[in-house]
Protein backbone atom coordinates (compact mmCIF):
# COMPACT_ATOMS: atom_id res chain seq x y z
CA UNK A 1 189.83 109.68 122.71
CA UNK A 2 192.74 109.65 125.13
CA UNK A 3 190.27 109.77 128.00
CA UNK A 4 188.86 106.36 127.06
CA UNK A 5 192.27 104.68 127.24
CA UNK A 6 193.16 105.88 130.75
CA UNK A 7 190.78 104.18 133.19
CA UNK A 8 192.30 105.81 136.27
CA UNK A 9 191.43 109.21 134.84
CA UNK A 10 187.77 108.18 134.39
CA UNK A 11 187.30 107.79 138.13
CA UNK A 12 188.52 111.34 138.71
CA UNK A 13 186.19 112.91 136.14
CA UNK A 14 182.99 114.65 137.17
CA UNK A 15 179.78 112.67 136.71
CA UNK A 16 178.53 114.80 133.79
CA UNK A 17 181.75 114.31 131.87
CA UNK A 18 181.56 110.54 132.44
CA UNK A 19 177.95 110.55 131.24
CA UNK A 20 178.92 112.52 128.13
CA UNK A 21 181.71 110.07 127.33
CA UNK A 22 179.31 107.18 127.82
CA UNK A 23 176.83 108.84 125.49
CA UNK A 24 179.57 109.34 122.91
CA UNK A 25 180.55 105.67 123.02
CA UNK A 26 176.90 104.62 122.78
CA UNK A 27 176.26 106.90 119.80
CA UNK A 28 179.37 105.64 118.01
CA UNK A 29 178.36 102.02 118.59
CA UNK A 30 174.80 102.60 117.41
CA UNK A 31 176.01 104.53 114.36
CA UNK A 32 178.44 101.81 113.33
CA UNK A 33 175.75 99.16 113.81
CA UNK A 34 173.28 101.16 111.72
CA UNK A 35 175.79 101.58 108.90
CA UNK A 36 176.61 97.86 108.92
CA UNK A 37 172.91 96.95 108.80
CA UNK A 38 172.33 99.26 105.84
CA UNK A 39 175.31 97.72 104.02
CA UNK A 40 173.96 94.26 104.79
CA UNK A 41 170.54 95.22 103.44
CA UNK A 42 171.96 96.42 100.14
CA UNK A 43 174.30 93.45 99.81
CA UNK A 44 171.33 91.07 100.27
CA UNK A 45 169.35 92.99 97.64
CA UNK A 46 172.32 92.85 95.27
CA UNK A 47 172.78 89.12 95.82
CA UNK A 48 169.08 88.39 95.33
CA UNK A 49 169.17 90.40 92.12
CA UNK A 50 172.26 88.51 90.92
CA UNK A 51 170.85 85.05 91.72
CA UNK A 52 167.22 85.74 90.84
CA UNK A 53 165.33 82.86 89.24
CA UNK A 54 162.90 83.41 86.42
CA UNK A 55 160.04 81.53 88.06
CA UNK A 56 159.48 82.70 91.61
CA UNK A 57 156.98 81.00 93.95
CA UNK A 58 155.84 84.38 95.28
CA UNK A 59 154.33 85.40 91.94
CA UNK A 60 151.03 83.73 92.89
CA UNK A 61 150.89 85.51 96.24
CA UNK A 62 151.60 88.89 94.67
CA UNK A 63 148.63 88.47 92.33
CA UNK A 64 145.48 89.07 94.44
CA UNK A 65 143.15 87.89 91.68
CA UNK A 66 144.84 84.49 91.52
CA UNK A 67 144.77 84.17 95.29
CA UNK A 68 141.07 85.00 95.46
CA UNK A 69 140.32 82.39 92.76
CA UNK A 70 142.18 79.71 94.69
CA UNK A 71 140.43 80.63 97.94
CA UNK A 72 137.03 80.63 96.22
CA UNK A 73 137.67 77.15 94.77
CA UNK A 74 138.79 75.91 98.19
CA UNK A 75 135.58 77.17 99.79
CA UNK A 76 133.52 75.39 97.15
CA UNK A 77 135.39 72.14 97.83
CA UNK A 78 137.08 71.83 94.43
CA UNK A 79 140.61 72.11 95.86
CA UNK A 80 142.12 71.05 99.12
CA UNK A 81 142.28 68.28 101.61
CA UNK A 82 140.22 67.37 104.63
CA UNK A 83 140.50 70.81 106.19
CA UNK A 84 138.46 72.38 103.36
CA UNK A 85 135.92 69.63 102.78
CA UNK A 86 132.40 69.79 104.14
CA UNK A 87 132.60 66.46 105.94
CA UNK A 88 133.37 66.19 109.63
CA UNK A 89 135.13 62.82 109.58
CA UNK A 90 136.77 60.31 107.28
CA UNK A 91 133.61 58.32 106.41
CA UNK A 92 131.96 61.33 104.77
CA UNK A 93 129.22 62.34 107.21
CA UNK A 94 127.99 65.81 106.37
CA UNK A 95 128.16 68.68 108.87
């Protein structure tokens, strides 16, 4: 690590040694970043577990049967706004 502190010595090093030192610094930086991202991932999971609500809005999306029922009702025109109705304009003309 002494080589990284002395810049004047870096200019006197052969090109392969400079490339190896650059690779070492890159690998250390990527490794530290990877470790921090993994720690962040687990801390977010821990926090979501700690502050989890009983009723989550994603429970409907995770149930494919409920989603298919809603989509089927929308296609039949029982649910939804103008985008799911069979009329083309506001006065009710049929398509």
